[in-house]
Amino acid sequence: MDRTTTRTIKKILTKLKPAEHEAISVAKYLFSLDPQRDYFNDRKKISTGSGFSSVLLGNWRLNQILYLLQIFHYVKYDKFLFKDDLYAFDNGFIVYDAYRNFWTLYNGQYFDNSVQDIKDKKTQQFITKYFNYFKNYTIKGLEEWYTNDPAWIEAWLERKKDPKIDFDQATLTYYQNFLPSHLHYIEQIG
């Protein structure tokens, strides 16, 4: 990446309002919305990618929902929902802390209250509304989100050596142009 591009990215990112939450706190709240573990379950998902033969469906869904919450929160509020980085892998996006702690979350162990609760009602309503919308998507429907996302395409398909997602100006502009109609629809039905 050349110096001008690096400066442009830093300038864009410094204009963003800072995220207020950790991804693990968002994940904890998501699990509270699925107490029976119907959605964040322990079944296997057969991979459609070329890497893993299967992944844990509930963990995969958690990470895809976190990704969708992150980009929709950005479009709606001009800031990301959580501070953690997203990474592109064969089966979509991963937030390491949530991915690594799936079983702790699944079993309701929540790190002995060391994970902050999301207390802000507006944030709770946002997460609840978007989770309730996206949980109705099929596996294929969720896959279509990340396989068409320029950030995933660039990080996974074009430079697999560094799967960290860079939210550059082109990607942020893509979200701002592509997502408002979806955002409007979700807001209207919720």
C-alpha atoms as a PDB file:
ATOM      1  CA  MET A   1       0.000   0.000   0.000  1.00  0.00           C
ATOM      2  CA  ASP A   2       1.513   3.340  -0.982  1.00  0.00           C
ATOM      3  CA  ARG A   3       1.886   6.287   1.386  1.00  0.00           C
ATOM      4  CA  THR A   4      -1.012   8.304  -0.114  1.00  0.00           C
ATOM      5  CA  THR A   5      -3.409   5.379   0.216  1.00  0.00           C
ATOM      6  CA  THR A   6      -2.303   4.804   3.808  1.00  0.00           C
ATOM      7  CA  ARG A   7      -2.853   8.480   4.674  1.00  0.00           C
ATOM      8  CA  THR A   8      -6.267   8.474   2.981  1.00  0.00           C
ATOM      9  CA  ILE A   9      -7.372   5.394   4.939  1.00  0.00           C
ATOM     10  CA  LYS A  10      -6.146   6.878   8.221  1.00  0.00           C
ATOM     11  CA  LYS A  11      -7.975  10.142   7.434  1.00  0.00           C
ATOM     12  CA  ILE A  12     -11.228   8.277   6.733  1.00  0.00           C
ATOM     13  CA  LEU A  13     -10.955   6.141   9.825  1.00  0.00           C
ATOM     14  CA  THR A  14     -10.178   9.082  12.072  1.00  0.00           C
ATOM     15  CA  LYS A  15     -13.401  10.758  10.888  1.00  0.00           C
ATOM     16  CA  LEU A  16     -15.456   7.795  12.071  1.00  0.00           C
ATOM     17  CA  LYS A  17     -16.976   8.032  15.490  1.00  0.00           C
ATOM     18  CA  PRO A  18     -15.340   5.506  17.807  1.00  0.00           C
ATOM     19  CA  ALA A  19     -17.089   2.207  18.465  1.00  0.00           C
ATOM     20  CA  GLU A  20     -18.315   1.821  22.024  1.00  0.00           C
ATOM     21  CA  HIS A  21     -18.482  -1.950  22.472  1.00  0.00           C
ATOM     22  CA  GLU A  22     -16.395  -5.071  22.333  1.00  0.00           C
ATOM     23  CA  ALA A  23     -17.592  -7.744  19.922  1.00  0.00           C
ATOM     24  CA  ILE A  24     -17.799 -10.271  22.764  1.00  0.00           C
ATOM     25  CA  SER A  25     -20.344  -8.007  24.515  1.00  0.00           C
ATOM     26  CA  VAL A  26     -22.424  -7.889  21.347  1.00  0.00           C
ATOM     27  CA  ALA A  27     -22.116 -11.675  21.047  1.00  0.00           C
ATOM     28  CA  LYS A  28     -23.230 -12.088  24.656  1.00  0.00           C
ATOM     29  CA  TYR A  29     -26.295  -9.980  23.946  1.00  0.00           C
ATOM     30  CA  LEU A  30     -27.023 -11.986  20.787  1.00  0.00           C
ATOM     31  CA  PHE A  31     -26.942 -15.215  22.783  1.00  0.00           C
ATOM     32  CA  SER A  32     -29.443 -13.715  25.214  1.00  0.00           C
ATOM     33  CA  LEU A  33     -31.815 -13.394  22.232  1.00  0.00           C
ATOM     34  CA  ASP A  34     -31.492 -17.123  21.527  1.00  0.00           C
ATOM     35  CA  PRO A  35     -31.839 -18.798  24.947  1.00  0.00           C
ATOM     36  CA  GLN A  36     -32.870 -22.173  23.481  1.00  0.00           C
ATOM     37  CA  ARG A  37     -29.878 -22.121  21.093  1.00  0.00           C
ATOM     38  CA  ASP A  38     -32.122 -22.710  18.108  1.00  0.00           C
ATOM     39  CA  TYR A  39     -30.093 -20.318  15.975  1.00  0.00           C
ATOM     40  CA  PHE A  40     -26.656 -20.406  17.571  1.00  0.00           C
ATOM     41  CA  ASN A  41     -26.697 -24.186  17.702  1.00  0.00           C
ATOM     42  CA  ASP A  42     -24.031 -26.883  17.775  1.00  0.00           C
ATOM     43  CA  ARG A  43     -24.779 -28.522  14.413  1.00  0.00           C
ATOM     44  CA  LYS A  44     -22.277 -28.745  11.586  1.00  0.00           C
ATOM     45  CA  LYS A  45     -22.509 -26.687   8.405  1.00  0.00           C
ATOM     46  CA  ILE A  46     -21.086 -28.223   5.271  1.00  0.00           C
ATOM     47  CA  SER A  47     -18.724 -25.723   3.739  1.00  0.00           C
ATOM     48  CA  THR A  48     -19.376 -24.352   0.288  1.00  0.00           C
ATOM     49  CA  GLY A  49     -15.860 -22.938   0.251  1.00  0.00           C
ATOM     50  CA  SER A  50     -12.697 -24.736  -0.764  1.00  0.00           C
ATOM     51  CA  GLY A  51     -11.094 -24.907   2.680  1.00  0.00           C
ATOM     52  CA  PHE A  52     -12.779 -26.534   5.643  1.00  0.00           C
ATOM     53  CA  SER A  53     -15.024 -29.532   5.129  1.00  0.00           C
ATOM     54  CA  SER A  54     -17.427 -28.269   7.751  1.00  0.00           C
ATOM     55  CA  VAL A  55     -17.784 -25.613  10.409  1.00  0.00           C
ATOM     56  CA  LEU A  56     -19.935 -25.313  13.492  1.00  0.00           C
ATOM     57  CA  LEU A  57     -23.159 -23.742  12.239  1.00  0.00           C
ATOM     58  CA  GLY A  58     -23.887 -21.699  15.368  1.00  0.00           C
ATOM     59  CA  ASN A  59     -20.388 -20.231  15.475  1.00  0.00           C
ATOM     60  CA  TRP A  60     -20.503 -19.470  11.749  1.00  0.00           C
ATOM     61  CA  ARG A  61     -23.891 -17.774  12.132  1.00  0.00           C
ATOM     62  CA  LEU A  62     -22.645 -15.739  15.117  1.00  0.00           C
ATOM     63  CA  ASN A  63     -19.738 -14.372  13.116  1.00  0.00           C
ATOM     64  CA  GLN A  64     -21.835 -13.594  10.042  1.00  0.00           C
ATOM     65  CA  ILE A  65     -24.408 -11.785  12.200  1.00  0.00           C
ATOM     66  CA  LEU A  66     -21.615  -9.795  13.869  1.00  0.00           C
ATOM     67  CA  TYR A  67     -20.343  -8.797  10.427  1.00  0.00           C
ATOM     68  CA  LEU A  68     -23.819  -7.714   9.290  1.00  0.00           C
ATOM     69  CA  LEU A  69     -24.426  -5.781  12.507  1.00  0.00           C
ATOM     70  CA  GLN A  70     -21.090  -4.038  12.041  1.00  0.00           C
ATOM     71  CA  ILE A  71     -21.748  -2.821   8.494  1.00  0.00           C
ATOM     72  CA  PHE A  72     -25.388  -1.878   9.070  1.00  0.00           C
ATOM     73  CA  HIS A  73     -24.476  -0.004  12.258  1.00  0.00           C
ATOM     74  CA  TYR A  74     -21.860   1.877  10.277  1.00  0.00           C
ATOM     75  CA  VAL A  75     -24.390   2.920   7.620  1.00  0.00           C
ATOM     76  CA  LYS A  76     -27.070   3.864  10.134  1.00  0.00           C
ATOM     77  CA  TYR A  77     -24.929   5.676  12.728  1.00  0.00           C
ATOM     78  CA  ASP A  78     -21.699   6.508  10.881  1.00  0.00           C
ATOM     79  CA  LYS A  79     -19.715   4.429  13.354  1.00  0.00           C
ATOM     80  CA  PHE A  80     -18.967   0.791  13.887  1.00  0.00           C
ATOM     81  CA  LEU A  81     -20.793  -1.164  16.565  1.00  0.00           C
ATOM     82  CA  PHE A  82     -17.724  -2.839  18.041  1.00  0.00           C
ATOM     83  CA  LYS A  83     -13.994  -2.183  18.219  1.00  0.00           C
ATOM     84  CA  ASP A  84     -12.725  -5.624  17.206  1.00  0.00           C
ATOM     85  CA  ASP A  85     -11.312  -6.373  13.788  1.00  0.00           C
ATOM     86  CA  LEU A  86     -13.061  -8.590  11.273  1.00  0.00           C
ATOM     87  CA  TYR A  87     -11.127 -11.225   9.327  1.00  0.00           C
ATOM     88  CA  ALA A  88     -12.022 -12.872   6.029  1.00  0.00           C
ATOM     89  CA  PHE A  89     -11.838 -16.636   5.736  1.00  0.00           C
ATOM     90  CA  ASP A  90     -13.104 -19.255   3.353  1.00  0.00           C
ATOM     91  CA  ASN A  91     -16.466 -19.485   5.135  1.00  0.00           C
ATOM     92  CA  GLY A  92     -17.058 -15.774   5.610  1.00  0.00           C
ATOM     93  CA  PHE A  93     -16.113 -13.303   8.314  1.00  0.00           C
ATOM     94  CA  ILE A  94     -14.672 -14.051  11.733  1.00  0.00           C
ATOM     95  CA  VAL A  95     -14.313 -11.899  14.826  1.00  0.00           C
ATOM     96  CA  TYR A  96     -11.592 -13.794  16.678  1.00  0.00           C
ATOM     97  CA  ASP A  97     -12.777 -13.146  20.221  1.00  0.00           C
ATOM     98  CA  ALA A  98     -16.330 -14.274  19.471  1.00  0.00           C
ATOM     99  CA  TYR A  99     -15.164 -17.221  17.366  1.00  0.00           C
ATOM    100  CA  ARG A 100     -12.703 -18.403  20.022  1.00  0.00           C
ATOM    101  CA  ASN A 101     -15.235 -18.058  22.859  1.00  0.00           C
ATOM    102  CA  PHE A 102     -18.245 -19.612  21.136  1.00  0.00           C
ATOM    103  CA  TRP A 103     -18.591 -22.507  23.609  1.00  0.00           C
ATOM    104  CA  THR A 104     -18.342 -20.199  26.601  1.00  0.00           C
ATOM    105  CA  LEU A 105     -21.123 -18.087  25.133  1.00  0.00           C
ATOM    106  CA  TYR A 106     -23.119 -21.156  24.079  1.00  0.00           C
ATOM    107  CA  ASN A 107     -22.976 -22.565  27.605  1.00  0.00           C
ATOM    108  CA  GLY A 108     -23.944 -19.213  29.142  1.00  0.00           C
ATOM    109  CA  GLN A 109     -20.702 -18.874  31.083  1.00  0.00           C
ATOM    110  CA  TYR A 110     -20.043 -15.258  29.995  1.00  0.00           C
ATOM    111  CA  PHE A 111     -16.631 -15.028  31.644  1.00  0.00           C
ATOM    112  CA  ASP A 112     -17.832 -14.508  35.226  1.00  0.00           C
ATOM    113  CA  ASN A 113     -19.351 -11.125  34.366  1.00  0.00           C
ATOM    114  CA  SER A 114     -16.026  -9.841  33.021  1.00  0.00           C
ATOM    115  CA  VAL A 115     -17.806  -9.166  29.722  1.00  0.00           C
ATOM    116  CA  GLN A 116     -19.636  -5.866  29.785  1.00  0.00           C
ATOM    117  CA  ASP A 117     -23.365  -5.979  29.229  1.00  0.00           C
ATOM    118  CA  ILE A 118     -24.854  -3.786  26.543  1.00  0.00           C
ATOM    119  CA  LYS A 119     -26.999  -1.481  28.635  1.00  0.00           C
ATOM    120  CA  ASP A 120     -27.846   1.184  26.075  1.00  0.00           C
ATOM    121  CA  LYS A 121     -31.472   0.619  24.993  1.00  0.00           C
ATOM    122  CA  LYS A 122     -30.906   2.066  21.524  1.00  0.00           C
ATOM    123  CA  THR A 123     -28.058  -0.389  20.901  1.00  0.00           C
ATOM    124  CA  GLN A 124     -30.099  -3.277  22.294  1.00  0.00           C
ATOM    125  CA  GLN A 125     -32.988  -2.380  19.994  1.00  0.00           C
ATOM    126  CA  PHE A 126     -30.675  -2.140  16.998  1.00  0.00           C
ATOM    127  CA  ILE A 127     -29.099  -5.544  17.691  1.00  0.00           C
ATOM    128  CA  THR A 128     -32.471  -7.153  18.376  1.00  0.00           C
ATOM    129  CA  LYS A 129     -34.111  -5.757  15.242  1.00  0.00           C
ATOM    130  CA  TYR A 130     -31.292  -6.751  12.907  1.00  0.00           C
ATOM    131  CA  PHE A 131     -30.798 -10.161  14.513  1.00  0.00           C
ATOM    132  CA  ASN A 132     -34.524 -10.892  14.185  1.00  0.00           C
ATOM    133  CA  TYR A 133     -34.340  -9.942  10.530  1.00  0.00           C
ATOM    134  CA  PHE A 134     -31.172 -11.823   9.569  1.00  0.00           C
ATOM    135  CA  LYS A 135     -31.914 -14.964  11.577  1.00  0.00           C
ATOM    136  CA  ASN A 136     -34.586 -15.721   8.972  1.00  0.00           C
ATOM    137  CA  TYR A 137     -32.006 -15.838   6.193  1.00  0.00           C
ATOM    138  CA  THR A 138     -31.031 -19.225   4.847  1.00  0.00           C
ATOM    139  CA  ILE A 139     -27.408 -20.317   4.961  1.00  0.00           C
ATOM    140  CA  LYS A 140     -27.184 -19.513   1.256  1.00  0.00           C
ATOM    141  CA  GLY A 141     -28.653 -16.069   1.888  1.00  0.00           C
ATOM    142  CA  LEU A 142     -26.018 -15.288   4.525  1.00  0.00           C
ATOM    143  CA  GLU A 143     -23.292 -16.607   2.234  1.00  0.00           C
ATOM    144  CA  GLU A 144     -24.431 -14.231  -0.487  1.00  0.00           C
ATOM    145  CA  TRP A 145     -23.808 -11.255   1.800  1.00  0.00           C
ATOM    146  CA  TYR A 146     -20.131 -11.961   2.363  1.00  0.00           C
ATOM    147  CA  THR A 147     -19.343 -13.407  -1.091  1.00  0.00           C
ATOM    148  CA  ASN A 148     -20.546 -10.129  -2.619  1.00  0.00           C
ATOM    149  CA  ASP A 149     -18.843  -7.882  -0.072  1.00  0.00           C
ATOM    150  CA  PRO A 150     -15.830  -6.043  -1.550  1.00  0.00           C
ATOM    151  CA  ALA A 151     -13.999  -6.155   1.789  1.00  0.00           C
ATOM    152  CA  TRP A 152     -14.213  -9.969   1.927  1.00  0.00           C
ATOM    153  CA  ILE A 153     -13.370 -10.340  -1.754  1.00  0.00           C
ATOM    154  CA  GLU A 154     -10.298  -8.156  -1.409  1.00  0.00           C
ATOM    155  CA  ALA A 155      -9.092  -9.717   1.844  1.00  0.00           C
ATOM    156  CA  TRP A 156      -9.803 -13.367   1.091  1.00  0.00           C
ATOM    157  CA  LEU A 157      -9.764 -13.865  -2.637  1.00  0.00           C
ATOM    158  CA  GLU A 158      -7.118 -11.310  -3.568  1.00  0.00           C
ATOM    159  CA  ARG A 159      -4.653 -11.328  -0.649  1.00  0.00           C
ATOM    160  CA  LYS A 160      -5.111 -14.425   1.473  1.00  0.00           C
ATOM    161  CA  LYS A 161      -1.856 -13.761   3.344  1.00  0.00           C
ATOM    162  CA  ASP A 162      -3.502 -10.957   5.314  1.00  0.00           C
ATOM    163  CA  PRO A 163      -7.170 -11.701   6.003  1.00  0.00           C
ATOM    164  CA  LYS A 164      -7.739  -8.643   8.222  1.00  0.00           C
ATOM    165  CA  ILE A 165     -10.511  -6.465   6.815  1.00  0.00           C
ATOM    166  CA  ASP A 166      -9.516  -2.950   5.877  1.00  0.00           C
ATOM    167  CA  PHE A 167     -12.508  -0.678   5.716  1.00  0.00           C
ATOM    168  CA  ASP A 168     -11.105   1.633   3.074  1.00  0.00           C
ATOM    169  CA  GLN A 169     -12.972   4.460   1.383  1.00  0.00           C
ATOM    170  CA  ALA A 170     -14.141   2.294  -1.517  1.00  0.00           C
ATOM    171  CA  THR A 171     -15.650  -0.273   0.837  1.00  0.00           C
ATOM    172  CA  LEU A 172     -17.299   2.319   3.063  1.00  0.00           C
ATOM    173  CA  THR A 173     -18.711   4.065  -0.004  1.00  0.00           C
ATOM    174  CA  TYR A 174     -20.009   0.726  -1.278  1.00  0.00           C
ATOM    175  CA  TYR A 175     -21.827   0.190   2.039  1.00  0.00           C
ATOM    176  CA  GLN A 176     -23.240   3.715   1.988  1.00  0.00           C
ATOM    177  CA  ASN A 177     -24.531   3.237  -1.572  1.00  0.00           C
ATOM    178  CA  PHE A 178     -25.710  -0.354  -1.379  1.00  0.00           C
ATOM    179  CA  LEU A 179     -27.113  -0.782   2.130  1.00  0.00           C
ATOM    180  CA  PRO A 180     -29.559   2.118   2.671  1.00  0.00           C
ATOM    181  CA  SER A 181     -32.394   0.390   0.803  1.00  0.00           C
ATOM    182  CA  HIS A 182     -31.882  -2.715   2.954  1.00  0.00           C
ATOM    183  CA  LEU A 183     -31.607  -0.559   6.058  1.00  0.00           C
ATOM    184  CA  HIS A 184     -34.847   1.228   5.194  1.00  0.00           C
ATOM    185  CA  TYR A 185     -36.645  -2.070   4.614  1.00  0.00           C
ATOM    186  CA  ILE A 186     -35.459  -3.553   7.925  1.00  0.00           C
ATOM    187  CA  GLU A 187     -36.415  -0.389   9.778  1.00  0.00           C
ATOM    188  CA  GLN A 188     -39.901  -0.452   8.245  1.00  0.00           C
ATOM    189  CA  ILE A 189     -40.675  -4.095   9.089  1.00  0.00           C
ATOM    190  CA  GLY A 190     -39.198  -3.965  12.579  1.00  0.00           C
END
